[in-house]
């Protein structure tokens, strides 16, 4: 079996092939965007998008209809992703779903917003406040489990056996977090809990 020959250099490819190559590389950015900001696969895809878009621009090609078709196929906002790739590293090119929420950073609790990159909890800025309120009221909300435990390994360092804990993503190796953990997350994000 023979090796597949490498593709010709970008400037030697025909325009139709380049437009399709752009679509492939944009999909690659979307698939690998969880590796941002420094994952090798996503960085290679971003580089390819930039090179191909520059070549198409020098040829004066309008590929907006193909990007719109690709957006329909993937249900991702490809024109926005392209713009973010071209602005990289000033802008980080996370793919956005049709509702505008960054797919990789979608809040695991409300699913209606995204959380900041690098957040210690995979929930949006509003949800830690909701969890704090649920803990204080001892009233669970959809998507979380409230509990107490005698097992120190299953709770945060702030807690004891009487502390009410919350878990957003339940797994077998659960680590419950207390009100202080969620309040600390709010503080890290620079948003103070409103007095109520």
C-alpha atoms as a PDB file:
ATOM      1  CA  UNK A   1       0.000   0.000   0.000  1.00  0.00           C
ATOM      2  CA  UNK A   2       1.379   3.392  -0.974  1.00  0.00           C
ATOM      3  CA  UNK A   3       1.378   6.444   1.263  1.00  0.00           C
ATOM      4  CA  UNK A   4      -1.139   9.135   0.426  1.00  0.00           C
ATOM      5  CA  UNK A   5       0.747  11.977  -1.198  1.00  0.00           C
ATOM      6  CA  UNK A   6       0.683  15.267   0.691  1.00  0.00           C
ATOM      7  CA  UNK A   7      -1.696  17.902  -0.649  1.00  0.00           C
ATOM      8  CA  UNK A   8      -0.180  20.501  -2.938  1.00  0.00           C
ATOM      9  CA  UNK A   9       0.787  23.848  -1.420  1.00  0.00           C
ATOM     10  CA  UNK A  10      -2.157  26.172  -0.786  1.00  0.00           C
ATOM     11  CA  UNK A  11      -1.288  28.529  -3.627  1.00  0.00           C
ATOM     12  CA  UNK A  12      -1.354  25.604  -6.110  1.00  0.00           C
ATOM     13  CA  UNK A  13      -4.817  24.308  -5.149  1.00  0.00           C
ATOM     14  CA  UNK A  14      -7.849  25.216  -7.218  1.00  0.00           C
ATOM     15  CA  UNK A  15     -10.382  27.577  -5.665  1.00  0.00           C
ATOM     16  CA  UNK A  16     -13.139  25.019  -5.174  1.00  0.00           C
ATOM     17  CA  UNK A  17     -10.762  22.696  -3.320  1.00  0.00           C
ATOM     18  CA  UNK A  18      -9.544  25.582  -1.167  1.00  0.00           C
ATOM     19  CA  UNK A  19     -13.079  26.515  -0.135  1.00  0.00           C
ATOM     20  CA  UNK A  20     -13.719  22.906   0.927  1.00  0.00           C
ATOM     21  CA  UNK A  21     -10.354  22.785   2.707  1.00  0.00           C
ATOM     22  CA  UNK A  22     -11.378  25.921   4.606  1.00  0.00           C
ATOM     23  CA  UNK A  23     -14.574  24.170   5.695  1.00  0.00           C
ATOM     24  CA  UNK A  24     -12.630  21.118   6.870  1.00  0.00           C
ATOM     25  CA  UNK A  25     -10.220  23.227   8.888  1.00  0.00           C
ATOM     26  CA  UNK A  26     -13.032  25.264  10.460  1.00  0.00           C
ATOM     27  CA  UNK A  27     -14.675  22.008  11.536  1.00  0.00           C
ATOM     28  CA  UNK A  28     -11.319  20.924  12.964  1.00  0.00           C
ATOM     29  CA  UNK A  29     -11.130  24.124  15.020  1.00  0.00           C
ATOM     30  CA  UNK A  30     -14.611  23.351  16.357  1.00  0.00           C
ATOM     31  CA  UNK A  31     -13.789  19.736  17.134  1.00  0.00           C
ATOM     32  CA  UNK A  32     -10.533  20.569  18.914  1.00  0.00           C
ATOM     33  CA  UNK A  33     -11.479  23.868  20.589  1.00  0.00           C
ATOM     34  CA  UNK A  34     -11.447  22.218  24.017  1.00  0.00           C
ATOM     35  CA  UNK A  35      -7.643  22.308  23.602  1.00  0.00           C
ATOM     36  CA  UNK A  36      -7.575  26.106  23.525  1.00  0.00           C
ATOM     37  CA  UNK A  37      -5.590  28.200  24.088  1.00  0.00           C
ATOM     38  CA  UNK A  38      -2.483  26.128  23.353  1.00  0.00           C
ATOM     39  CA  UNK A  39      -3.454  22.647  22.090  1.00  0.00           C
ATOM     40  CA  UNK A  40      -1.346  21.617  19.101  1.00  0.00           C
ATOM     41  CA  UNK A  41      -4.260  20.240  17.040  1.00  0.00           C
ATOM     42  CA  UNK A  42      -6.446  23.319  17.418  1.00  0.00           C
ATOM     43  CA  UNK A  43      -3.509  25.667  16.802  1.00  0.00           C
ATOM     44  CA  UNK A  44      -2.639  23.792  13.596  1.00  0.00           C
ATOM     45  CA  UNK A  45      -6.262  24.059  12.426  1.00  0.00           C
ATOM     46  CA  UNK A  46      -6.385  27.787  13.224  1.00  0.00           C
ATOM     47  CA  UNK A  47      -3.152  28.293  11.281  1.00  0.00           C
ATOM     48  CA  UNK A  48      -4.559  26.424   8.291  1.00  0.00           C
ATOM     49  CA  UNK A  49      -7.790  28.472   8.397  1.00  0.00           C
ATOM     50  CA  UNK A  50      -5.785  31.689   8.384  1.00  0.00           C
ATOM     51  CA  UNK A  51      -3.567  30.596   5.486  1.00  0.00           C
ATOM     52  CA  UNK A  52      -6.447  29.358   3.348  1.00  0.00           C
ATOM     53  CA  UNK A  53      -8.584  32.441   4.064  1.00  0.00           C
ATOM     54  CA  UNK A  54      -5.658  34.681   3.088  1.00  0.00           C
ATOM     55  CA  UNK A  55      -5.225  32.834  -0.217  1.00  0.00           C
ATOM     56  CA  UNK A  56      -8.947  32.975  -0.967  1.00  0.00           C
ATOM     57  CA  UNK A  57      -8.922  36.669  -0.111  1.00  0.00           C
ATOM     58  CA  UNK A  58      -6.051  37.306  -2.509  1.00  0.00           C
ATOM     59  CA  UNK A  59      -8.109  35.584  -5.227  1.00  0.00           C
ATOM     60  CA  UNK A  60     -11.163  37.701  -4.418  1.00  0.00           C
ATOM     61  CA  UNK A  61     -13.346  34.659  -3.699  1.00  0.00           C
ATOM     62  CA  UNK A  62     -16.720  35.096  -1.959  1.00  0.00           C
ATOM     63  CA  UNK A  63     -17.341  31.897   0.005  1.00  0.00           C
ATOM     64  CA  UNK A  64     -20.027  33.261   2.346  1.00  0.00           C
ATOM     65  CA  UNK A  65     -22.738  31.026   0.832  1.00  0.00           C
ATOM     66  CA  UNK A  66     -20.605  27.935   1.499  1.00  0.00           C
ATOM     67  CA  UNK A  67     -20.026  29.077   5.114  1.00  0.00           C
ATOM     68  CA  UNK A  68     -23.776  29.534   5.563  1.00  0.00           C
ATOM     69  CA  UNK A  69     -24.323  26.003   4.232  1.00  0.00           C
ATOM     70  CA  UNK A  70     -21.632  24.671   6.590  1.00  0.00           C
ATOM     71  CA  UNK A  71     -23.338  26.449   9.500  1.00  0.00           C
ATOM     72  CA  UNK A  72     -26.597  24.685   8.612  1.00  0.00           C
ATOM     73  CA  UNK A  73     -24.820  21.327   8.406  1.00  0.00           C
ATOM     74  CA  UNK A  74     -22.969  21.662  11.715  1.00  0.00           C
ATOM     75  CA  UNK A  75     -25.363  23.948  13.637  1.00  0.00           C
ATOM     76  CA  UNK A  76     -22.299  26.039  14.482  1.00  0.00           C
ATOM     77  CA  UNK A  77     -21.813  29.728  13.684  1.00  0.00           C
ATOM     78  CA  UNK A  78     -19.040  29.303  11.130  1.00  0.00           C
ATOM     79  CA  UNK A  79     -18.769  32.930   9.985  1.00  0.00           C
ATOM     80  CA  UNK A  80     -18.163  33.945  13.620  1.00  0.00           C
ATOM     81  CA  UNK A  81     -15.643  31.146  14.036  1.00  0.00           C
ATOM     82  CA  UNK A  82     -13.788  32.262  10.915  1.00  0.00           C
ATOM     83  CA  UNK A  83     -13.671  35.861  12.180  1.00  0.00           C
ATOM     84  CA  UNK A  84     -12.355  34.665  15.552  1.00  0.00           C
ATOM     85  CA  UNK A  85      -9.695  32.515  13.853  1.00  0.00           C
ATOM     86  CA  UNK A  86      -8.566  35.489  11.773  1.00  0.00           C
ATOM     87  CA  UNK A  87      -8.366  37.655  14.912  1.00  0.00           C
ATOM     88  CA  UNK A  88      -6.488  34.990  16.920  1.00  0.00           C
ATOM     89  CA  UNK A  89      -4.714  35.384  19.382  1.00  0.00           C
ATOM     90  CA  UNK A  90      -6.557  38.610  20.247  1.00  0.00           C
ATOM     91  CA  UNK A  91      -9.783  36.571  20.169  1.00  0.00           C
ATOM     92  CA  UNK A  92     -10.007  32.923  21.205  1.00  0.00           C
ATOM     93  CA  UNK A  93     -11.933  30.971  18.545  1.00  0.00           C
ATOM     94  CA  UNK A  94     -14.369  28.820  20.502  1.00  0.00           C
ATOM     95  CA  UNK A  95     -17.118  27.502  18.235  1.00  0.00           C
ATOM     96  CA  UNK A  96     -20.563  28.874  19.041  1.00  0.00           C
ATOM     97  CA  UNK A  97     -23.813  26.967  18.694  1.00  0.00           C
ATOM     98  CA  UNK A  98     -26.683  28.568  16.801  1.00  0.00           C
ATOM     99  CA  UNK A  99     -27.847  30.211  20.062  1.00  0.00           C
ATOM    100  CA  UNK A 100     -24.476  31.992  20.363  1.00  0.00           C
ATOM    101  CA  UNK A 101     -23.221  30.012  23.361  1.00  0.00           C
ATOM    102  CA  UNK A 102     -19.680  28.645  23.146  1.00  0.00           C
ATOM    103  CA  UNK A 103     -20.223  24.900  22.803  1.00  0.00           C
ATOM    104  CA  UNK A 104     -17.218  23.764  24.850  1.00  0.00           C
ATOM    105  CA  UNK A 105     -17.997  26.256  27.635  1.00  0.00           C
ATOM    106  CA  UNK A 106     -21.773  25.743  27.908  1.00  0.00           C
ATOM    107  CA  UNK A 107     -22.949  25.844  31.523  1.00  0.00           C
ATOM    108  CA  UNK A 108     -23.497  22.327  32.799  1.00  0.00           C
ATOM    109  CA  UNK A 109     -26.320  23.445  35.063  1.00  0.00           C
ATOM    110  CA  UNK A 110     -28.637  25.877  33.257  1.00  0.00           C
ATOM    111  CA  UNK A 111     -27.361  25.219  29.683  1.00  0.00           C
ATOM    112  CA  UNK A 112     -28.425  28.823  28.871  1.00  0.00           C
ATOM    113  CA  UNK A 113     -25.037  30.583  29.094  1.00  0.00           C
ATOM    114  CA  UNK A 114     -21.343  29.797  28.991  1.00  0.00           C
ATOM    115  CA  UNK A 115     -18.744  29.878  31.733  1.00  0.00           C
ATOM    116  CA  UNK A 116     -15.419  31.736  31.524  1.00  0.00           C
ATOM    117  CA  UNK A 117     -12.419  29.797  30.207  1.00  0.00           C
ATOM    118  CA  UNK A 118     -10.340  28.494  33.091  1.00  0.00           C
ATOM    119  CA  UNK A 119     -13.206  28.573  35.606  1.00  0.00           C
ATOM    120  CA  UNK A 120     -12.809  25.997  38.371  1.00  0.00           C
ATOM    121  CA  UNK A 121     -16.508  25.121  38.127  1.00  0.00           C
ATOM    122  CA  UNK A 122     -18.114  24.422  34.754  1.00  0.00           C
ATOM    123  CA  UNK A 123     -21.109  26.638  35.411  1.00  0.00           C
ATOM    124  CA  UNK A 124     -21.985  30.145  34.209  1.00  0.00           C
ATOM    125  CA  UNK A 125     -21.638  33.304  36.269  1.00  0.00           C
ATOM    126  CA  UNK A 126     -25.263  33.200  37.465  1.00  0.00           C
ATOM    127  CA  UNK A 127     -25.401  29.559  38.565  1.00  0.00           C
ATOM    128  CA  UNK A 128     -23.030  29.703  41.586  1.00  0.00           C
ATOM    129  CA  UNK A 129     -25.471  32.187  43.115  1.00  0.00           C
ATOM    130  CA  UNK A 130     -28.341  29.783  42.400  1.00  0.00           C
ATOM    131  CA  UNK A 131     -26.414  26.934  44.063  1.00  0.00           C
ATOM    132  CA  UNK A 132     -25.567  29.088  47.113  1.00  0.00           C
ATOM    133  CA  UNK A 133     -29.259  29.923  47.467  1.00  0.00           C
ATOM    134  CA  UNK A 134     -30.233  26.236  47.139  1.00  0.00           C
ATOM    135  CA  UNK A 135     -27.736  25.302  49.877  1.00  0.00           C
ATOM    136  CA  UNK A 136     -28.933  28.084  52.178  1.00  0.00           C
ATOM    137  CA  UNK A 137     -32.600  27.211  51.617  1.00  0.00           C
ATOM    138  CA  UNK A 138     -31.891  23.453  51.729  1.00  0.00           C
ATOM    139  CA  UNK A 139     -33.979  23.235  48.585  1.00  0.00           C
ATOM    140  CA  UNK A 140     -32.465  21.453  45.568  1.00  0.00           C
ATOM    141  CA  UNK A 141     -32.824  22.822  42.046  1.00  0.00           C
ATOM    142  CA  UNK A 142     -32.757  20.887  38.791  1.00  0.00           C
ATOM    143  CA  UNK A 143     -29.256  19.683  38.007  1.00  0.00           C
ATOM    144  CA  UNK A 144     -27.772  19.580  41.512  1.00  0.00           C
ATOM    145  CA  UNK A 145     -27.787  17.140  44.394  1.00  0.00           C
ATOM    146  CA  UNK A 146     -27.730  18.429  47.988  1.00  0.00           C
ATOM    147  CA  UNK A 147     -26.392  16.121  50.710  1.00  0.00           C
ATOM    148  CA  UNK A 148     -24.392  15.689  53.918  1.00  0.00           C
ATOM    149  CA  UNK A 149     -21.743  13.044  54.406  1.00  0.00           C
ATOM    150  CA  UNK A 150     -19.681  11.472  57.170  1.00  0.00           C
ATOM    151  CA  UNK A 151     -16.946  10.646  54.629  1.00  0.00           C
ATOM    152  CA  UNK A 152     -14.260  13.364  54.694  1.00  0.00           C
ATOM    153  CA  UNK A 153     -12.946  12.291  51.278  1.00  0.00           C
ATOM    154  CA  UNK A 154     -16.338  13.056  49.710  1.00  0.00           C
ATOM    155  CA  UNK A 155     -16.521  16.680  50.855  1.00  0.00           C
ATOM    156  CA  UNK A 156     -14.527  19.893  50.511  1.00  0.00           C
ATOM    157  CA  UNK A 157     -12.020  20.974  53.169  1.00  0.00           C
ATOM    158  CA  UNK A 158     -14.407  23.653  54.505  1.00  0.00           C
ATOM    159  CA  UNK A 159     -17.051  21.070  55.430  1.00  0.00           C
ATOM    160  CA  UNK A 160     -17.805  18.753  58.301  1.00  0.00           C
ATOM    161  CA  UNK A 161     -20.464  16.057  58.669  1.00  0.00           C
ATOM    162  CA  UNK A 162     -23.217  18.651  59.273  1.00  0.00           C
ATOM    163  CA  UNK A 163     -22.403  20.888  56.299  1.00  0.00           C
ATOM    164  CA  UNK A 164     -24.862  20.861  53.410  1.00  0.00           C
ATOM    165  CA  UNK A 165     -22.968  20.167  50.202  1.00  0.00           C
ATOM    166  CA  UNK A 166     -23.889  20.470  46.565  1.00  0.00           C
ATOM    167  CA  UNK A 167     -22.763  18.559  43.502  1.00  0.00           C
ATOM    168  CA  UNK A 168     -23.498  19.757  39.996  1.00  0.00           C
ATOM    169  CA  UNK A 169     -21.953  16.823  38.108  1.00  0.00           C
ATOM    170  CA  UNK A 170     -22.619  13.610  40.005  1.00  0.00           C
ATOM    171  CA  UNK A 171     -20.000  10.875  39.585  1.00  0.00           C
ATOM    172  CA  UNK A 172     -18.869   7.912  41.658  1.00  0.00           C
ATOM    173  CA  UNK A 173     -15.837   9.840  42.906  1.00  0.00           C
ATOM    174  CA  UNK A 174     -18.008  12.791  43.955  1.00  0.00           C
ATOM    175  CA  UNK A 175     -16.524  15.704  45.871  1.00  0.00           C
ATOM    176  CA  UNK A 176     -19.284  17.769  47.460  1.00  0.00           C
ATOM    177  CA  UNK A 177     -18.737  21.500  47.706  1.00  0.00           C
ATOM    178  CA  UNK A 178     -20.119  23.799  50.371  1.00  0.00           C
ATOM    179  CA  UNK A 179     -21.570  27.290  50.236  1.00  0.00           C
ATOM    180  CA  UNK A 180     -18.060  28.744  50.747  1.00  0.00           C
ATOM    181  CA  UNK A 181     -16.740  26.951  47.650  1.00  0.00           C
ATOM    182  CA  UNK A 182     -19.455  28.422  45.455  1.00  0.00           C
ATOM    183  CA  UNK A 183     -19.124  31.865  47.053  1.00  0.00           C
ATOM    184  CA  UNK A 184     -15.351  31.726  46.453  1.00  0.00           C
ATOM    185  CA  UNK A 185     -16.073  30.967  42.796  1.00  0.00           C
ATOM    186  CA  UNK A 186     -18.313  34.041  42.606  1.00  0.00           C
ATOM    187  CA  UNK A 187     -15.571  36.150  44.170  1.00  0.00           C
ATOM    188  CA  UNK A 188     -12.929  34.796  41.781  1.00  0.00           C
ATOM    189  CA  UNK A 189     -15.106  35.835  38.888  1.00  0.00           C
ATOM    190  CA  UNK A 190     -15.361  39.325  40.343  1.00  0.00           C
ATOM    191  CA  UNK A 191     -19.056  39.154  41.017  1.00  0.00           C
ATOM    192  CA  UNK A 192     -20.246  39.677  44.551  1.00  0.00           C
ATOM    193  CA  UNK A 193     -23.372  38.009  45.872  1.00  0.00           C
ATOM    194  CA  UNK A 194     -26.233  40.523  46.075  1.00  0.00           C
ATOM    195  CA  UNK A 195     -27.613  41.015  49.586  1.00  0.00           C
ATOM    196  CA  UNK A 196     -31.011  39.493  49.797  1.00  0.00           C
END
